[in-house]
Amino acid sequence: MSSTEPVSLITGASAGIGAALARVFAQNGHRLVLTARREAQLTALADEIATAGQPRPHVIVADVSTTDGRTGLAGALEAAGLEPAYVVNNAGFGLLGPATRLSAERQLEMIDLNTRALTDLSLRFLDSVTRHKGGILNVASIAGFMPGPGMAIYHATKAYVVSFTEALHGELKGDGVRVCALCPGPVPTAFLDHAGVPHDYFPAFLNRTAERVAREGYAGFMGGHRVVVPGGPNRMLTLLPRLLPRGATVAFMQRRWVKARRRGG
């Protein structure tokens, strides 16, 4: 009779918030599967976790932005006798610039990774997550609470993630399954460099380290929270759409984008 080992699957685990979440999950006794496209970084993180005395994570190299990549990931898990009890959808990217001028192809790729891949993996492993009474942690952003001129598609994808996650939380809480949207503000990681965002683009008081985001995200997730927003100032920002008319919120974000663009030359 075959048996499977329950694991926590973390996408985009090679750096930044994903790597920080992997460390926190490992410290709390989870057996991990780390996946991303960069094998060297995943292997180094797995070695680091093992050296710290936790079980060495399984490493599966996959591009989850593609259907073939996600199917291959699921096949590799099955072949290894592993099934997700927890799914952490962290893989994603952003781009700074007007939607009308950025590459349409790259923006569609952003939608594929930030929303389609996250949805696919959330639903694909739902049976095993439910069976183990585990959970799904989707990494969103405070950007998901407001329109974002200058990062229009990114904000829109994260709004989808927040909405989808909150609805899934409501559907699954009666089954003992945790579903949570982790919504950080700015985090000084390579994410900003890849997005073309200067590290002084956001006010410094909004910044939180990846390690703090991971700790607060894990605690809130395991505590059954629907949404976790690390940092008081960031939580205040998420209230803007509730306190201001929609048009005023768009205008506020537009002014910030124009001011930042002028400052950058």
Protein backbone atom coordinates (compact mmCIF):
# COMPACT_ATOMS: atom_id res chain seq x y z
CA MET A 1 0.00 0.00 0.00
CA SER A 2 1.51 3.31 -1.07
CA SER A 3 1.60 6.31 1.25
CA THR A 4 2.27 9.96 0.73
CA GLU A 5 4.10 12.50 2.86
CA PRO A 6 2.32 15.79 3.61
CA VAL A 7 4.46 18.81 2.79
CA SER A 8 4.30 22.58 2.57
CA LEU A 9 4.81 23.74 -1.02
CA ILE A 10 6.32 27.21 -1.44
CA THR A 11 6.54 28.79 -4.89
CA GLY A 12 8.98 31.55 -5.73
CA ALA A 13 11.12 30.27 -2.88
CA SER A 14 14.53 31.17 -4.29
CA ALA A 15 14.73 34.68 -2.76
CA GLY A 16 12.96 37.48 -0.96
CA ILE A 17 9.68 36.84 0.84
CA GLY A 18 9.51 33.29 -0.51
CA ALA A 19 12.85 32.34 1.00
CA ALA A 20 11.95 34.07 4.28
CA LEU A 21 8.66 32.15 4.43
CA ALA A 22 10.54 28.90 3.79
CA ARG A 23 12.78 29.56 6.80
CA VAL A 24 9.81 30.37 9.05
CA PHE A 25 7.83 27.31 7.94
CA ALA A 26 10.90 25.11 8.48
CA GLN A 27 11.50 26.56 11.94
CA ASN A 28 7.92 25.62 12.82
CA GLY A 29 8.38 21.98 11.87
CA HIS A 30 7.04 21.85 8.32
CA ARG A 31 8.52 19.50 5.73
CA LEU A 32 9.06 21.69 2.71
CA VAL A 33 9.03 21.56 -1.06
CA LEU A 34 10.73 24.59 -2.55
CA THR A 35 10.05 25.49 -6.16
CA ALA A 36 11.20 28.24 -8.52
CA ARG A 37 13.17 28.48 -11.75
CA ARG A 38 16.62 29.03 -10.19
CA GLU A 39 18.03 25.72 -9.02
CA ALA A 40 21.25 27.06 -7.49
CA GLN A 41 19.40 29.43 -5.15
CA LEU A 42 16.88 26.77 -4.15
CA THR A 43 19.64 24.29 -3.40
CA ALA A 44 21.54 26.84 -1.32
CA LEU A 45 18.40 27.60 0.70
CA ALA A 46 17.69 23.90 1.22
CA ASP A 47 21.28 23.42 2.44
CA GLU A 48 20.94 26.40 4.79
CA ILE A 49 17.73 25.02 6.31
CA ALA A 50 19.30 21.58 6.75
CA THR A 51 22.41 23.09 8.37
CA ALA A 52 20.13 24.87 10.86
CA GLY A 53 18.89 21.46 12.03
CA GLN A 54 15.57 21.22 10.17
CA PRO A 55 14.75 18.48 7.64
CA ARG A 56 16.25 19.27 4.27
CA PRO A 57 13.55 20.58 1.90
CA HIS A 58 12.81 18.88 -1.38
CA VAL A 59 13.79 21.03 -4.36
CA ILE A 60 11.74 20.96 -7.57
CA VAL A 61 12.76 23.33 -10.36
CA ALA A 62 9.68 24.53 -12.22
CA ASP A 63 8.34 27.57 -14.05
CA VAL A 64 4.88 27.81 -12.52
CA SER A 65 3.92 30.65 -14.86
CA THR A 66 3.25 28.02 -17.55
CA THR A 67 0.68 25.24 -17.64
CA ASP A 68 3.41 22.73 -18.49
CA GLY A 69 5.47 23.93 -15.53
CA ARG A 70 2.60 23.51 -13.09
CA THR A 71 1.71 20.10 -14.51
CA GLY A 72 5.35 19.05 -14.25
CA LEU A 73 5.48 20.23 -10.64
CA ALA A 74 2.40 18.19 -9.76
CA GLY A 75 3.89 15.15 -11.50
CA ALA A 76 7.19 15.52 -9.66
CA LEU A 77 5.38 15.72 -6.31
CA GLU A 78 3.37 12.60 -7.07
CA ALA A 79 6.44 10.68 -8.26
CA ALA A 80 8.23 11.55 -5.01
CA GLY A 81 5.28 10.46 -2.86
CA LEU A 82 4.57 13.98 -1.65
CA GLU A 83 1.30 15.87 -1.40
CA PRO A 84 0.73 19.45 -0.28
CA ALA A 85 -0.96 20.00 3.05
CA TYR A 86 -0.07 23.69 2.76
CA VAL A 87 0.35 25.70 -0.43
CA VAL A 88 2.15 29.04 -0.34
CA ASN A 89 1.64 30.93 -3.58
CA ASN A 90 4.43 33.47 -3.44
CA ALA A 91 5.69 33.52 -7.05
CA GLY A 92 4.94 36.79 -8.81
CA PHE A 93 6.45 39.95 -10.24
CA GLY A 94 5.63 43.59 -10.91
CA LEU A 95 6.57 46.23 -13.46
CA LEU A 96 6.83 50.00 -12.99
CA GLY A 97 5.67 52.22 -15.81
CA PRO A 98 2.56 53.28 -17.74
CA ALA A 99 0.54 50.30 -18.95
CA THR A 100 0.32 51.95 -22.36
CA ARG A 101 4.11 51.96 -22.74
CA LEU A 102 5.25 48.78 -21.03
CA SER A 103 5.54 45.58 -23.04
CA ALA A 104 2.08 44.11 -23.50
CA GLU A 105 3.63 40.64 -23.62
CA ARG A 106 5.37 41.10 -20.27
CA GLN A 107 2.21 42.47 -18.69
CA LEU A 108 0.23 39.45 -19.88
CA GLU A 109 2.96 37.22 -18.43
CA MET A 110 2.46 39.06 -15.14
CA ILE A 111 -1.24 38.21 -15.22
CA ASP A 112 -0.40 34.57 -16.00
CA LEU A 113 1.94 34.25 -13.01
CA ASN A 114 0.30 36.52 -10.44
CA THR A 115 -3.27 35.29 -10.98
CA ARG A 116 -3.63 32.28 -13.27
CA ALA A 117 -0.80 30.25 -11.73
CA LEU A 118 -1.91 31.12 -8.19
CA THR A 119 -5.47 30.08 -8.96
CA ASP A 120 -4.41 26.85 -10.66
CA LEU A 121 -2.17 25.75 -7.79
CA SER A 122 -4.76 26.71 -5.18
CA LEU A 123 -7.40 24.54 -6.86
CA ARG A 124 -5.11 21.79 -8.12
CA PHE A 125 -4.03 20.77 -4.60
CA LEU A 126 -7.28 21.58 -2.84
CA ASP A 127 -8.18 17.93 -2.20
CA SER A 128 -4.93 17.17 -0.37
CA VAL A 129 -5.01 20.49 1.50
CA THR A 130 -8.55 19.75 2.68
CA ARG A 131 -7.72 16.15 3.59
CA HIS A 132 -4.88 17.31 5.84
CA LYS A 133 -6.86 20.30 7.15
CA GLY A 134 -3.97 22.47 6.06
CA GLY A 135 -4.18 25.76 4.23
CA ILE A 136 -3.39 28.11 1.37
CA LEU A 137 -1.34 31.26 1.89
CA ASN A 138 -1.49 33.63 -1.08
CA VAL A 139 1.02 36.47 -1.17
CA ALA A 140 -0.80 39.57 -2.36
CA SER A 141 0.09 43.20 -1.56
CA ILE A 142 -1.38 46.40 -0.19
CA ALA A 143 -1.48 47.27 -3.90
CA GLY A 144 -4.50 44.98 -4.08
CA PHE A 145 -6.63 47.48 -2.17
CA MET A 146 -6.37 50.40 -4.59
CA PRO A 147 -5.83 51.22 -8.28
CA GLY A 148 -2.21 52.00 -9.09
CA PRO A 149 -1.34 54.36 -11.94
CA GLY A 150 2.27 53.54 -12.83
CA MET A 151 1.80 49.89 -11.85
CA ALA A 152 -1.72 49.37 -13.18
CA ILE A 153 -1.53 45.67 -14.07
CA TYR A 154 0.35 44.73 -10.91
CA HIS A 155 -2.25 46.41 -8.71
CA ALA A 156 -5.04 44.74 -10.67
CA THR A 157 -3.51 41.28 -10.28
CA LYS A 158 -3.13 41.75 -6.55
CA ALA A 159 -6.73 42.98 -6.25
CA TYR A 160 -7.73 39.67 -7.82
CA VAL A 161 -5.58 37.75 -5.34
CA VAL A 162 -7.13 39.53 -2.35
CA SER A 163 -10.68 39.01 -3.60
CA PHE A 164 -10.15 35.36 -4.59
CA THR A 165 -8.44 34.55 -1.30
CA GLU A 166 -11.07 36.18 0.87
CA ALA A 167 -13.83 34.30 -0.97
CA LEU A 168 -11.95 31.00 -0.70
CA HIS A 169 -11.47 31.65 3.02
CA GLY A 170 -15.23 31.94 3.38
CA GLU A 171 -15.87 28.78 1.38
CA LEU A 172 -13.35 26.58 3.19
CA LYS A 173 -13.30 27.76 6.81
CA GLY A 174 -16.09 25.30 7.66
CA ASP A 175 -13.82 22.46 6.47
CA GLY A 176 -11.04 23.45 8.85
CA VAL A 177 -8.87 24.81 6.02
CA ARG A 178 -6.95 28.06 6.54
CA VAL A 179 -6.91 30.49 3.61
CA CYS A 180 -5.10 33.80 4.01
CA ALA A 181 -3.92 36.72 1.89
CA LEU A 182 -0.57 38.11 3.02
CA CYS A 183 -0.50 41.76 1.93
CA PRO A 184 2.87 43.40 2.55
CA GLY A 185 3.78 46.92 1.64
CA PRO A 186 7.20 47.70 0.16
CA VAL A 187 9.86 45.08 0.96
CA PRO A 188 13.47 45.93 0.01
CA THR A 189 14.31 42.83 -2.05
CA ALA A 190 15.33 41.99 -5.60
CA PHE A 191 11.62 42.18 -6.47
CA LEU A 192 11.96 45.97 -6.66
CA ASP A 193 15.00 45.73 -8.94
CA HIS A 194 13.23 43.33 -11.30
CA ALA A 195 10.20 45.62 -11.36
CA GLY A 196 12.32 48.67 -12.15
CA VAL A 197 11.29 50.34 -8.89
CA PRO A 198 13.93 52.57 -7.21
CA HIS A 199 14.43 51.63 -3.56
CA ASP A 200 13.44 55.19 -2.52
CA TYR A 201 10.23 55.12 -4.60
CA PHE A 202 8.06 54.37 -1.55
CA PRO A 203 8.22 56.25 1.78
CA ALA A 204 10.72 54.56 4.07
CA PHE A 205 8.20 54.27 6.93
CA LEU A 206 6.21 51.76 4.85
CA ASN A 207 9.15 49.39 4.41
CA ARG A 208 9.21 46.04 6.21
CA THR A 209 11.89 43.38 5.93
CA ALA A 210 11.10 40.08 4.24
CA GLU A 211 11.83 38.33 7.53
CA ARG A 212 9.28 40.42 9.45
CA VAL A 213 6.67 39.95 6.70
CA ALA A 214 7.24 36.18 6.80
CA ARG A 215 6.96 35.97 10.60
CA GLU A 216 3.78 38.04 10.78
CA GLY A 217 2.34 36.30 7.74
CA TYR A 218 2.93 32.85 9.19
CA ALA A 219 1.48 33.80 12.58
CA GLY A 220 -1.64 35.31 11.04
CA PHE A 221 -2.10 32.42 8.63
CA MET A 222 -1.86 29.79 11.34
CA GLY A 223 -4.09 31.92 13.53
CA GLY A 224 -6.87 31.66 10.96
CA HIS A 225 -6.78 35.25 9.74
CA ARG A 226 -8.34 36.05 6.38
CA VAL A 227 -5.95 38.92 5.57
CA VAL A 228 -2.61 39.91 7.11
CA VAL A 229 -1.10 43.36 6.46
CA PRO A 230 2.27 43.74 8.24
CA GLY A 231 2.84 47.21 9.70
CA GLY A 232 0.45 49.84 11.04
CA PRO A 233 1.09 52.44 8.30
CA ASN A 234 0.44 49.83 5.62
CA ARG A 235 -2.80 48.80 7.31
CA MET A 236 -3.87 52.45 7.31
CA LEU A 237 -3.23 52.68 3.56
CA THR A 238 -5.55 49.77 2.88
CA LEU A 239 -8.36 51.84 4.42
CA LEU A 240 -8.08 54.62 1.82
CA PRO A 241 -10.69 53.15 -0.55
CA ARG A 242 -13.13 52.87 2.37
CA LEU A 243 -12.55 56.44 3.55
CA LEU A 244 -12.31 58.26 0.21
CA PRO A 245 -14.47 58.21 -2.91
CA ARG A 246 -13.05 55.90 -5.58
CA GLY A 247 -12.13 58.82 -7.82
CA ALA A 248 -10.26 60.52 -4.98
CA THR A 249 -8.26 57.35 -4.32
CA VAL A 250 -7.26 57.12 -8.00
CA ALA A 251 -6.28 60.80 -8.00
CA PHE A 252 -4.20 60.34 -4.83
CA MET A 253 -2.32 57.42 -6.36
CA GLN A 254 -1.89 59.30 -9.65
CA ARG A 255 -0.33 62.30 -7.91
CA ARG A 256 2.09 60.03 -6.06
CA TRP A 257 3.11 58.34 -9.30
CA VAL A 258 3.62 61.65 -11.15
CA LYS A 259 5.63 63.09 -8.26
CA ALA A 260 7.85 60.01 -8.05
CA ARG A 261 8.38 60.00 -11.81
CA ARG A 262 9.45 63.66 -11.78
CA ARG A 263 11.81 63.02 -8.89
CA GLY A 264 13.40 60.20 -10.85
CA GLY A 265 13.86 62.42 -13.88
